[in-house]
Structures are given as C-alpha cells and as structure tokens.
Amino acid sequence: MTREEAQTAWEKIVDIGFSDYQKLTREQRVWFNIEPLTTDGLWDHYMNSGADKNADTIEDLEYLNFFLHCKSTKKV
C-alpha cells in the first residue's frame, strides 16, 4: 500500500468513525482508535475525544498485544 492509498483509506475510516462508529470493521476500529495514540500520545488521548472510546481503545491495544500500553491507559 502506498502512502497515498493509506491516506485515502485513513480518511474513509475517519469519516465512518465519526459518523457511525459501530459500522467500523475490527481492523478499521483498531486503526481509528490507535493511530491518534501513536501520533499524538496518551496525554492528547485524554484531553481530546479519544477517551470517549477508552474501553474500545484498551481492547484494541490488547488485540495488538500492546499490554504495557494497556496498563498505562488503565492507570490514567
């Protein structure tokens, strides 16, 4: 996948995520919830709308086997 293709896919996921979150596939949801953590960090996650889906984000981190990050997210 090229960067351009990835950007197009990401924009589609963001559109779905903000308009009808429940319609995201598992893989799309993981990308939707985790990408902001990787670009903006945990602090930004809690200061903006990321924490609205915190339980899903933790589940998605566990799905990716990022257990250390799950512990950090749960502590905050």
Foldseek 3Di string as FASTA:
>chain_A
DDPVVVVVVLVVLVVCCVPPVVPQDLVSNLCVLCVCCVVPNDVVCVVDCSCVCLVSNLVSCVVVVVVVVSVVSVVD
